[in-house]
N, C-alpha and C. Protein backbone atom coordinates (compact mmCIF):
# COMPACT_ATOMS: atom_id res chain seq x y z
N MET A 1 121.01 171.38 -4.45
CA MET A 1 120.12 170.11 -5.05
C MET A 1 119.03 170.07 -4.05
N ALA A 2 118.03 169.60 -4.21
CA ALA A 2 116.72 169.31 -3.26
C ALA A 2 116.25 168.39 -3.83
N LEU A 3 116.35 167.13 -2.37
CA LEU A 3 116.21 165.81 -2.16
C LEU A 3 114.34 166.20 -1.14
N GLN A 4 113.20 164.75 -2.23
CA GLN A 4 112.04 165.09 -1.75
C GLN A 4 111.84 163.36 -1.24
N GLY A 5 110.88 163.17 -0.61
CA GLY A 5 110.59 161.71 -0.30
C GLY A 5 109.59 161.89 1.46
N THR A 6 109.27 161.14 1.33
CA THR A 6 108.32 160.72 2.66
C THR A 6 109.81 160.28 4.11
N LEU A 7 108.81 160.92 5.11
CA LEU A 7 110.04 160.13 5.95
C LEU A 7 110.40 158.94 6.19
N GLY A 8 111.63 158.62 5.62
CA GLY A 8 112.09 157.15 5.95
C GLY A 8 112.72 156.84 4.26
N ALA A 9 112.42 157.81 4.01
CA ALA A 9 112.49 157.24 2.09
C ALA A 9 114.16 157.53 1.73
N GLY A 10 115.28 157.95 2.56
CA GLY A 10 116.34 157.85 2.52
C GLY A 10 117.39 159.02 2.44
N LYS A 11 117.02 160.49 2.36
CA LYS A 11 116.97 161.72 2.18
C LYS A 11 118.66 161.90 3.03
N THR A 12 118.52 161.78 4.10
CA THR A 12 119.46 161.82 4.65
C THR A 12 120.59 160.98 4.89
N THR A 13 120.17 159.71 3.96
CA THR A 13 121.34 158.62 3.77
C THR A 13 122.17 158.68 2.35
N LEU A 14 121.49 158.87 1.28
CA LEU A 14 121.71 159.52 0.19
C LEU A 14 122.92 160.45 0.29
N THR A 15 122.25 161.35 0.87
CA THR A 15 123.37 162.58 1.53
C THR A 15 124.01 162.17 2.39
N ARG A 16 124.58 160.99 3.30
CA ARG A 16 126.00 160.65 3.39
C ARG A 16 126.64 159.70 2.72
N TYR A 17 125.83 159.06 1.54
CA TYR A 17 126.66 158.33 1.28
C TYR A 17 127.56 159.48 -0.19
N LEU A 18 126.88 160.29 -0.26
CA LEU A 18 127.32 161.44 -1.40
C LEU A 18 128.49 162.71 -0.75
N LEU A 19 128.23 162.93 0.69
CA LEU A 19 129.36 163.31 1.66
C LEU A 19 130.65 162.50 1.64
N ARG A 20 130.13 161.80 1.55
CA ARG A 20 131.41 160.37 1.41
C ARG A 20 132.31 160.08 0.35
N ALA A 21 131.54 160.07 -0.88
CA ALA A 21 132.11 160.27 -1.58
C ALA A 21 132.63 161.21 -2.21
N LEU A 22 132.64 162.44 -1.69
CA LEU A 22 133.18 164.07 -1.80
C LEU A 22 134.31 164.07 -1.12
N GLY A 23 134.84 162.96 -0.21
CA GLY A 23 135.90 163.27 0.56
C GLY A 23 135.52 163.56 2.62
N VAL A 24 134.23 163.67 2.45
CA VAL A 24 133.77 163.99 4.13
C VAL A 24 134.23 162.89 4.72
N THR A 25 135.11 163.09 5.12
CA THR A 25 135.34 162.45 6.55
C THR A 25 134.73 162.52 8.53
N GLY A 26 134.78 161.41 9.27
CA GLY A 26 134.22 162.24 10.10
C GLY A 26 132.51 161.94 10.32
N ARG A 27 132.23 162.32 11.69
CA ARG A 27 130.27 162.15 11.38
C ARG A 27 129.86 162.76 10.56
N ILE A 28 129.00 162.02 9.80
CA ILE A 28 128.04 163.04 9.21
C ILE A 28 126.56 163.17 9.53
N LYS A 29 126.10 164.07 10.01
CA LYS A 29 124.57 163.70 11.38
C LYS A 29 123.80 164.09 10.23
N SER A 30 122.28 163.98 10.84
CA SER A 30 121.05 164.69 9.71
C SER A 30 121.11 165.78 11.17
N PRO A 31 120.59 167.12 10.01
CA PRO A 31 120.38 168.28 10.48
C PRO A 31 119.27 168.49 11.08
N SER A 32 118.09 167.43 11.02
CA SER A 32 117.03 167.55 11.43
C SER A 32 116.65 168.57 12.66
N TYR A 33 117.15 168.96 13.97
CA TYR A 33 117.29 169.60 14.55
C TYR A 33 118.16 170.98 14.59
N ALA A 34 119.20 171.10 13.96
CA ALA A 34 120.00 171.86 13.89
C ALA A 34 119.75 173.42 12.79
N ILE A 35 119.13 172.32 11.71
CA ILE A 35 118.34 172.85 10.50
C ILE A 35 119.47 173.02 9.26
N VAL A 36 120.77 173.02 9.97
CA VAL A 36 122.39 172.33 8.67
C VAL A 36 123.03 172.51 9.61
N GLU A 37 123.98 171.55 8.81
CA GLU A 37 125.45 170.98 9.05
C GLU A 37 126.04 171.31 8.12
N PRO A 38 127.19 172.03 8.40
CA PRO A 38 128.17 172.41 7.14
C PRO A 38 129.57 171.19 6.73
N TYR A 39 130.25 171.07 5.87
CA TYR A 39 131.47 170.34 6.00
C TYR A 39 131.99 170.91 5.20
N THR A 40 133.59 170.14 5.01
CA THR A 40 134.25 170.71 4.02
C THR A 40 134.81 169.31 2.86
N LEU A 41 134.94 169.80 1.78
CA LEU A 41 135.02 168.19 0.85
C LEU A 41 136.49 168.34 0.87
N ALA A 42 136.98 167.41 0.04
CA ALA A 42 138.22 166.87 -0.04
C ALA A 42 138.73 167.79 -1.00
N CYS A 43 138.13 168.41 -2.15
CA CYS A 43 137.96 169.57 -2.81
C CYS A 43 138.49 171.04 -2.54
N ALA A 44 138.57 171.14 -1.44
CA ALA A 44 138.61 172.11 -0.04
C ALA A 44 137.27 172.92 -0.38
N SER A 45 135.97 172.49 -1.20
CA SER A 45 134.76 173.30 -1.47
C SER A 45 134.32 173.22 0.16
N ALA A 46 132.94 173.90 0.33
CA ALA A 46 132.07 173.36 1.02
C ALA A 46 131.05 173.10 0.52
N ALA A 47 129.94 172.30 1.46
CA ALA A 47 129.07 171.91 1.29
C ALA A 47 127.96 171.94 2.62
N TRP A 48 126.76 172.22 2.54
CA TRP A 48 125.94 171.82 3.39
C TRP A 48 124.93 171.59 3.24
N HIS A 49 124.29 170.31 4.49
CA HIS A 49 123.13 170.09 4.65
C HIS A 49 122.16 170.68 5.27
N PHE A 50 121.01 170.71 4.89
CA PHE A 50 119.73 171.28 5.11
C PHE A 50 119.21 170.62 5.32
N ASP A 51 118.07 170.73 6.61
CA ASP A 51 117.02 170.03 6.65
C ASP A 51 115.67 170.70 7.35
N PHE A 52 114.95 171.38 6.36
CA PHE A 52 113.72 172.53 6.90
C PHE A 52 112.54 171.26 6.95
N TYR A 53 112.71 170.58 7.03
CA TYR A 53 111.31 170.07 7.75
C TYR A 53 110.61 170.19 8.81
N ARG A 54 111.33 171.25 10.03
CA ARG A 54 110.65 171.98 10.69
C ARG A 54 110.39 172.93 11.10
N PHE A 55 110.97 173.72 9.46
CA PHE A 55 111.24 175.23 9.43
C PHE A 55 109.94 175.46 9.13
N SER A 56 109.20 176.48 9.87
CA SER A 56 108.08 177.34 10.07
C SER A 56 108.13 179.22 10.02
N ASP A 57 108.89 179.39 10.08
CA ASP A 57 109.06 180.89 10.24
C ASP A 57 110.24 181.66 9.52
N PRO A 58 109.73 182.26 8.48
CA PRO A 58 110.75 182.29 7.32
C PRO A 58 111.64 183.79 8.08
N ARG A 59 111.47 184.22 9.00
CA ARG A 59 112.24 185.14 9.56
C ARG A 59 113.53 184.49 10.10
N GLU A 60 113.31 182.94 10.72
CA GLU A 60 114.56 181.96 10.31
C GLU A 60 115.46 181.94 9.92
N TRP A 61 115.09 182.07 8.47
CA TRP A 61 115.82 182.19 7.17
C TRP A 61 116.85 183.52 7.18
N GLU A 62 116.78 184.68 7.76
CA GLU A 62 116.80 185.71 7.90
C GLU A 62 118.14 185.68 8.97
N ASP A 63 117.22 185.62 9.76
CA ASP A 63 118.26 185.29 11.18
C ASP A 63 119.20 184.54 11.03
N ALA A 64 119.29 183.42 10.51
CA ALA A 64 120.27 182.35 10.53
C ALA A 64 121.16 182.90 9.44
N GLY A 65 121.04 183.45 8.60
CA GLY A 65 122.22 184.11 7.55
C GLY A 65 122.28 182.96 6.56
N PHE A 66 120.97 182.22 6.26
CA PHE A 66 120.76 181.80 5.02
C PHE A 66 121.12 181.97 3.67
N ARG A 67 120.58 183.28 3.69
CA ARG A 67 120.55 183.95 2.24
C ARG A 67 122.35 184.16 2.09
N ASP A 68 123.48 184.30 2.74
CA ASP A 68 124.57 184.58 2.45
C ASP A 68 124.84 182.81 2.01
N VAL A 69 124.71 181.94 3.14
CA VAL A 69 125.51 180.58 2.34
C VAL A 69 124.80 180.58 1.06
N PHE A 70 123.52 180.48 0.53
CA PHE A 70 123.21 179.80 -0.42
C PHE A 70 123.45 181.03 -2.09
N ALA A 71 123.55 182.14 -1.51
CA ALA A 71 124.65 183.26 -2.37
C ALA A 71 126.14 182.88 -2.42
N SER A 72 126.87 181.84 -1.51
CA SER A 72 128.10 181.76 -1.52
C SER A 72 128.10 180.31 -2.57
N PRO A 73 129.88 180.42 -2.95
CA PRO A 73 129.89 179.16 -3.98
C PRO A 73 129.98 177.98 -2.81
N GLY A 74 129.62 176.74 -3.62
CA GLY A 74 130.18 175.17 -2.87
C GLY A 74 128.31 174.50 -2.81
N LEU A 75 128.67 173.30 -2.49
CA LEU A 75 127.09 172.61 -2.88
C LEU A 75 125.91 172.60 -1.33
N LYS A 76 125.00 172.61 -1.76
CA LYS A 76 123.93 173.10 -0.80
C LYS A 76 122.96 171.74 -1.58
N ILE A 77 122.91 170.56 0.06
CA ILE A 77 121.81 169.35 -0.22
C ILE A 77 120.50 170.01 0.78
N VAL A 78 119.20 170.38 0.44
CA VAL A 78 118.28 170.44 1.16
C VAL A 78 117.14 169.63 1.23
N GLU A 79 116.66 169.12 2.41
CA GLU A 79 115.71 168.27 2.90
C GLU A 79 114.71 169.02 2.73
N TRP A 80 113.85 168.45 2.50
CA TRP A 80 112.08 169.48 2.88
C TRP A 80 112.16 170.26 1.99
N TRP A 81 112.45 171.10 1.51
CA TRP A 81 113.32 172.05 0.15
C TRP A 81 111.90 173.32 0.14
N GLN A 82 110.69 172.19 0.01
CA GLN A 82 109.54 172.97 -0.46
C GLN A 82 109.06 173.38 0.94
N ASN A 83 109.08 173.32 2.53
CA ASN A 83 109.04 174.34 3.26
C ASN A 83 110.16 175.71 2.98
N ALA A 84 110.73 175.85 2.31
CA ALA A 84 111.12 177.10 2.40
C ALA A 84 111.31 177.70 0.55
N GLN A 85 110.53 176.89 0.25
CA GLN A 85 110.26 177.49 -1.19
C GLN A 85 109.95 179.21 -1.48
N GLY A 86 110.88 179.76 -2.35
CA GLY A 86 110.11 181.50 -2.15
C GLY A 86 111.32 181.90 -1.65
N LEU A 87 112.16 181.29 -0.85
CA LEU A 87 113.50 181.61 0.09
C LEU A 87 114.43 181.23 -0.88
N ILE A 88 114.42 180.15 -0.98
CA ILE A 88 115.74 179.77 -1.21
C ILE A 88 115.94 179.60 -2.98
N PRO A 89 117.15 179.81 -3.14
CA PRO A 89 117.27 179.62 -4.95
C PRO A 89 116.64 178.52 -6.00
N THR A 90 116.43 178.26 -6.91
CA THR A 90 115.61 177.23 -7.72
C THR A 90 116.64 176.35 -7.81
N PRO A 91 116.41 174.86 -7.20
CA PRO A 91 117.95 174.19 -6.94
C PRO A 91 118.46 173.65 -8.55
N ASP A 92 119.49 173.02 -8.52
CA ASP A 92 120.00 172.44 -9.82
C ASP A 92 119.06 171.51 -10.33
N TRP A 93 118.88 170.28 -9.02
CA TRP A 93 118.10 169.23 -9.11
C TRP A 93 117.67 168.61 -8.32
N VAL A 94 115.93 168.41 -8.62
CA VAL A 94 115.16 167.99 -7.93
C VAL A 94 115.50 166.68 -7.83
N ILE A 95 115.31 166.04 -6.72
CA ILE A 95 115.80 164.33 -6.46
C ILE A 95 114.55 163.64 -5.63
N ASN A 96 114.14 162.87 -6.29
CA ASN A 96 112.70 161.99 -5.43
C ASN A 96 112.33 161.05 -5.63
N LEU A 97 112.90 160.66 -3.69
CA LEU A 97 112.84 158.91 -2.93
C LEU A 97 111.58 158.40 -2.98
N SER A 98 111.75 157.74 -3.26
CA SER A 98 110.28 156.71 -2.58
C SER A 98 110.57 155.17 -2.19
N ILE A 99 109.75 154.48 -1.75
CA ILE A 99 110.14 153.71 -0.83
C ILE A 99 109.32 152.36 -1.54
N VAL A 100 110.28 151.64 -2.18
CA VAL A 100 109.32 150.23 -3.11
C VAL A 100 109.42 149.29 -1.72
N ASP A 101 110.11 149.13 -0.96
CA ASP A 101 109.85 148.01 -0.07
C ASP A 101 111.38 147.99 1.21
N GLU A 102 111.30 147.58 2.37
CA GLU A 102 112.27 148.44 3.25
C GLU A 102 113.60 147.96 2.67
N SER A 103 113.99 147.42 1.45
CA SER A 103 115.31 147.46 1.55
C SER A 103 115.96 148.18 0.00
N THR A 104 114.59 148.88 -0.77
CA THR A 104 114.42 149.14 -2.10
C THR A 104 114.08 150.61 -2.05
N ARG A 105 114.51 151.42 -2.35
CA ARG A 105 114.12 153.26 -3.02
C ARG A 105 114.92 152.80 -3.99
N GLU A 106 113.51 153.49 -5.05
CA GLU A 106 113.45 154.24 -6.30
C GLU A 106 114.16 155.88 -6.53
N LEU A 107 114.96 156.13 -7.69
CA LEU A 107 115.57 157.71 -7.65
C LEU A 107 115.15 158.49 -8.85
N GLU A 108 114.38 159.44 -8.59
CA GLU A 108 114.17 159.77 -9.74
C GLU A 108 114.91 161.44 -9.77
N VAL A 109 115.51 161.99 -10.81
CA VAL A 109 116.28 163.12 -10.63
C VAL A 109 115.32 163.75 -11.91
N GLN A 110 115.30 165.45 -11.57
CA GLN A 110 114.72 166.39 -12.42
C GLN A 110 115.90 167.22 -12.43
N ALA A 111 116.18 168.04 -13.24
CA ALA A 111 117.30 169.00 -13.73
C ALA A 111 116.19 170.17 -14.20
N CYS A 112 116.84 171.36 -13.01
CA CYS A 112 115.65 172.22 -13.24
C CYS A 112 116.34 173.88 -13.36
N SER A 113 118.13 173.69 -13.81
CA SER A 113 118.32 174.75 -13.76
C SER A 113 119.29 174.03 -15.45
N PRO A 114 119.60 175.08 -16.10
CA PRO A 114 121.03 174.81 -17.41
C PRO A 114 121.91 173.96 -16.57
N THR A 115 122.86 174.42 -15.18
CA THR A 115 123.55 173.73 -15.16
C THR A 115 123.10 172.41 -14.24
N GLY A 116 122.10 172.44 -13.55
CA GLY A 116 121.32 171.16 -13.50
C GLY A 116 121.58 170.14 -14.74
N LEU A 117 120.70 170.72 -15.60
CA LEU A 117 120.83 169.47 -16.67
C LEU A 117 122.25 169.52 -17.87
N ALA A 118 123.44 170.46 -17.88
CA ALA A 118 124.44 169.61 -18.40
C ALA A 118 125.29 168.86 -17.26
N LEU A 119 124.87 168.61 -16.00
CA LEU A 119 125.80 167.98 -14.58
C LEU A 119 124.59 166.27 -15.21
N LEU A 120 123.38 166.60 -15.38
CA LEU A 120 122.52 165.19 -15.57
C LEU A 120 123.13 165.11 -16.93
N GLN A 121 123.19 165.38 -17.99
CA GLN A 121 123.18 164.61 -19.20
C GLN A 121 125.08 163.93 -19.09
N GLU A 122 126.41 164.56 -18.37
CA GLU A 122 127.40 164.09 -17.95
C GLU A 122 127.32 162.86 -17.25
N LEU A 123 126.10 163.03 -16.72
CA LEU A 123 125.94 161.60 -15.63
C LEU A 123 125.28 160.43 -16.61
N GLU A 124 124.41 161.03 -17.10
CA GLU A 124 123.74 159.95 -18.47
C GLU A 124 124.87 159.20 -18.73
N ALA A 125 125.82 160.18 -19.39
CA ALA A 125 126.81 159.60 -20.71
C ALA A 125 128.11 158.50 -20.10
N VAL A 126 127.76 158.96 -18.49
CA VAL A 126 128.74 157.94 -17.67
C VAL A 126 128.05 156.42 -17.02
N TYR A 127 126.57 156.71 -17.28
CA TYR A 127 126.13 155.70 -16.66
C TYR A 127 124.76 155.78 -17.45
N PRO A 128 124.87 155.06 -18.84
CA PRO A 128 123.51 155.43 -19.47
C PRO A 128 121.76 154.46 -19.19
């Protein structure tokens, strides 16, 4: 899942709510400086929250072992994914967040894979 939006649009906040809904307890922090934060979900699956805002050198990708993380099962949530485009797989969803006003955000979800489309259709069936 790739998250797009300007600084302050709510990418990390959305991620925190999603991870909480999936059973993560404890502190959920922004990976702005660490680039990635791993989590264990209530269903015993893994999740990783990436922030590629400061990502500038593709060698960091190999050195950090991100290829292995993206090849493994689990949820990958990526902020500023466009900074690693071409290195990471195509996301199932691209979620664009935009600021309407101080307390309101708009969210647009685009499915980019067959899996993403199926998940989006299931979501739309529950929340028409």
